[in-house]
Amino acid sequence: MPRYWISFDLGLQGDYEPLYEWLDRHEALECGDSVATLRSGSSREQIGRQLAALLKGQKNARVYIIAMEKGVGRFVLGKRRASPPWKGYAAAESSAGDEA
């Protein structure tokens, strides 16, 4: 059975209970904050449809699934942020280093 990693972010006011119930039902293992792994006979697209239906109406929900066998991942719900939260840190670090 294929293994999948699921990264999820439902926002500060997201309702995580339905997702946690789904993960528990699929015997998912915790892999860090908001990351789980599971084995399933379903395809990544089928899992994505299940999660999209489950999280329907959650405004800021983002779910990214990586299929181990294919070695590729993609968002199945939500999308990539225009600017990642770490943008600009490298420039700040090199500027601070220039002063020394």
C-alpha atoms as a PDB file:
ATOM      1  CA  MET A   1       0.000   0.000   0.000  1.00  0.00           C
ATOM      2  CA  PRO A   2       1.383   3.452  -0.878  1.00  0.00           C
ATOM      3  CA  ARG A   3       2.590   5.791   1.880  1.00  0.00           C
ATOM      4  CA  TYR A   4       1.603   9.460   1.942  1.00  0.00           C
ATOM      5  CA  TRP A   5       2.721  12.450   3.972  1.00  0.00           C
ATOM      6  CA  ILE A   6       0.109  15.084   4.650  1.00  0.00           C
ATOM      7  CA  SER A   7       0.970  18.608   5.744  1.00  0.00           C
ATOM      8  CA  PHE A   8      -1.988  20.683   6.871  1.00  0.00           C
ATOM      9  CA  ASP A   9      -2.741  24.216   8.044  1.00  0.00           C
ATOM     10  CA  LEU A  10      -6.304  25.215   8.831  1.00  0.00           C
ATOM     11  CA  GLY A  11      -5.411  28.599  10.292  1.00  0.00           C
ATOM     12  CA  LEU A  12      -5.733  29.846  13.847  1.00  0.00           C
ATOM     13  CA  GLN A  13      -9.504  29.463  13.938  1.00  0.00           C
ATOM     14  CA  GLY A  14      -9.686  26.279  11.868  1.00  0.00           C
ATOM     15  CA  ASP A  15     -11.806  23.347  13.002  1.00  0.00           C
ATOM     16  CA  TYR A  16      -9.208  20.583  13.305  1.00  0.00           C
ATOM     17  CA  GLU A  17     -11.539  17.996  14.861  1.00  0.00           C
ATOM     18  CA  PRO A  18     -12.919  16.542  11.571  1.00  0.00           C
ATOM     19  CA  LEU A  19      -9.393  16.264  10.161  1.00  0.00           C
ATOM     20  CA  TYR A  20      -8.053  14.645  13.335  1.00  0.00           C
ATOM     21  CA  GLU A  21     -10.954  12.185  13.256  1.00  0.00           C
ATOM     22  CA  TRP A  22     -10.154  11.337   9.611  1.00  0.00           C
ATOM     23  CA  LEU A  23      -6.445  10.897  10.418  1.00  0.00           C
ATOM     24  CA  ASP A  24      -7.266   8.682  13.407  1.00  0.00           C
ATOM     25  CA  ARG A  25      -9.619   6.551  11.290  1.00  0.00           C
ATOM     26  CA  HIS A  26      -6.773   6.080   8.776  1.00  0.00           C
ATOM     27  CA  GLU A  27      -4.321   5.203  11.576  1.00  0.00           C
ATOM     28  CA  ALA A  28      -2.053   8.080  10.599  1.00  0.00           C
ATOM     29  CA  LEU A  29       1.175   8.646  12.495  1.00  0.00           C
ATOM     30  CA  GLU A  30       2.313  12.059  13.709  1.00  0.00           C
ATOM     31  CA  CYS A  31       5.479  13.386  12.027  1.00  0.00           C
ATOM     32  CA  GLY A  32       5.766  16.856  13.562  1.00  0.00           C
ATOM     33  CA  ASP A  33       3.505  19.852  13.965  1.00  0.00           C
ATOM     34  CA  SER A  34       0.705  19.590  11.403  1.00  0.00           C
ATOM     35  CA  VAL A  35       2.334  16.686   9.538  1.00  0.00           C
ATOM     36  CA  ALA A  36       1.105  13.092   9.396  1.00  0.00           C
ATOM     37  CA  THR A  37       1.925   9.953   7.457  1.00  0.00           C
ATOM     38  CA  LEU A  38      -0.361   7.105   6.504  1.00  0.00           C
ATOM     39  CA  ARG A  39      -0.700   4.160   4.185  1.00  0.00           C
ATOM     40  CA  SER A  40      -3.716   3.958   1.913  1.00  0.00           C
ATOM     41  CA  GLY A  41      -4.921   2.032  -1.098  1.00  0.00           C
ATOM     42  CA  SER A  42      -6.437   5.291  -2.366  1.00  0.00           C
ATOM     43  CA  SER A  43      -4.633   7.540  -4.836  1.00  0.00           C
ATOM     44  CA  ARG A  44      -3.396  11.003  -3.877  1.00  0.00           C
ATOM     45  CA  GLU A  45      -6.238  12.464  -5.916  1.00  0.00           C
ATOM     46  CA  GLN A  46      -8.822  10.339  -4.076  1.00  0.00           C
ATOM     47  CA  ILE A  47      -7.393  11.349  -0.693  1.00  0.00           C
ATOM     48  CA  GLY A  48      -7.412  14.972  -1.834  1.00  0.00           C
ATOM     49  CA  ARG A  49     -11.096  14.757  -2.775  1.00  0.00           C
ATOM     50  CA  GLN A  50     -11.913  13.175   0.609  1.00  0.00           C
ATOM     51  CA  LEU A  51     -10.097  15.934   2.475  1.00  0.00           C
ATOM     52  CA  ALA A  52     -11.584  18.688   0.318  1.00  0.00           C
ATOM     53  CA  ALA A  53     -15.086  17.405   1.100  1.00  0.00           C
ATOM     54  CA  LEU A  54     -14.220  17.013   4.775  1.00  0.00           C
ATOM     55  CA  LEU A  55     -12.785  20.528   5.086  1.00  0.00           C
ATOM     56  CA  LYS A  56     -15.317  22.226   2.801  1.00  0.00           C
ATOM     57  CA  GLY A  57     -16.139  25.685   4.066  1.00  0.00           C
ATOM     58  CA  GLN A  58     -12.896  26.145   6.018  1.00  0.00           C
ATOM     59  CA  LYS A  59     -11.748  29.431   4.564  1.00  0.00           C
ATOM     60  CA  ASN A  60      -7.975  29.238   5.040  1.00  0.00           C
ATOM     61  CA  ALA A  61      -7.426  25.479   4.833  1.00  0.00           C
ATOM     62  CA  ARG A  62      -4.263  24.303   3.084  1.00  0.00           C
ATOM     63  CA  VAL A  63      -3.369  20.632   2.641  1.00  0.00           C
ATOM     64  CA  TYR A  64      -0.274  19.344   0.849  1.00  0.00           C
ATOM     65  CA  ILE A  65       0.153  15.639   0.081  1.00  0.00           C
ATOM     66  CA  ILE A  66       3.397  13.911  -0.862  1.00  0.00           C
ATOM     67  CA  ALA A  67       3.189  10.468  -2.445  1.00  0.00           C
ATOM     68  CA  MET A  68       6.306   8.519  -1.430  1.00  0.00           C
ATOM     69  CA  GLU A  69       6.312   6.129  -4.384  1.00  0.00           C
ATOM     70  CA  LYS A  70       6.125   8.977  -6.878  1.00  0.00           C
ATOM     71  CA  GLY A  71       8.377  11.291  -4.883  1.00  0.00           C
ATOM     72  CA  VAL A  72       6.194  14.263  -5.708  1.00  0.00           C
ATOM     73  CA  GLY A  73       3.798  16.433  -3.783  1.00  0.00           C
ATOM     74  CA  ARG A  74       1.185  19.065  -4.453  1.00  0.00           C
ATOM     75  CA  PHE A  75      -1.476  21.116  -2.784  1.00  0.00           C
ATOM     76  CA  VAL A  76      -4.824  19.346  -2.836  1.00  0.00           C
ATOM     77  CA  LEU A  77      -6.505  22.160  -0.928  1.00  0.00           C
ATOM     78  CA  GLY A  78      -5.425  25.784  -0.842  1.00  0.00           C
ATOM     79  CA  LYS A  79      -2.273  27.038  -2.509  1.00  0.00           C
ATOM     80  CA  ARG A  80       1.272  28.210  -1.915  1.00  0.00           C
ATOM     81  CA  ARG A  81       1.654  31.578  -0.187  1.00  0.00           C
ATOM     82  CA  ALA A  82       2.798  34.446  -2.396  1.00  0.00           C
ATOM     83  CA  SER A  83       5.605  35.146   0.057  1.00  0.00           C
ATOM     84  CA  PRO A  84       6.875  32.473   2.468  1.00  0.00           C
ATOM     85  CA  PRO A  85       7.170  33.417   6.155  1.00  0.00           C
ATOM     86  CA  TRP A  86      10.982  33.058   6.000  1.00  0.00           C
ATOM     87  CA  LYS A  87      11.460  35.497   3.108  1.00  0.00           C
ATOM     88  CA  GLY A  88      14.044  38.132   3.947  1.00  0.00           C
ATOM     89  CA  TYR A  89      15.759  36.297   6.803  1.00  0.00           C
ATOM     90  CA  ALA A  90      18.892  35.503   4.793  1.00  0.00           C
ATOM     91  CA  ALA A  91      19.288  39.152   3.795  1.00  0.00           C
ATOM     92  CA  ALA A  92      18.898  40.259   7.435  1.00  0.00           C
ATOM     93  CA  GLU A  93      21.495  37.702   8.533  1.00  0.00           C
ATOM     94  CA  SER A  94      24.064  38.755   5.910  1.00  0.00           C
ATOM     95  CA  SER A  95      23.523  42.448   6.753  1.00  0.00           C
ATOM     96  CA  ALA A  96      24.113  41.743  10.454  1.00  0.00           C
ATOM     97  CA  GLY A  97      27.255  39.798   9.545  1.00  0.00           C
ATOM     98  CA  ASP A  98      28.607  42.763   7.546  1.00  0.00           C
ATOM     99  CA  GLU A  99      28.698  44.935  10.691  1.00  0.00           C
ATOM    100  CA  ALA A 100      31.087  42.647  12.555  1.00  0.00           C
END
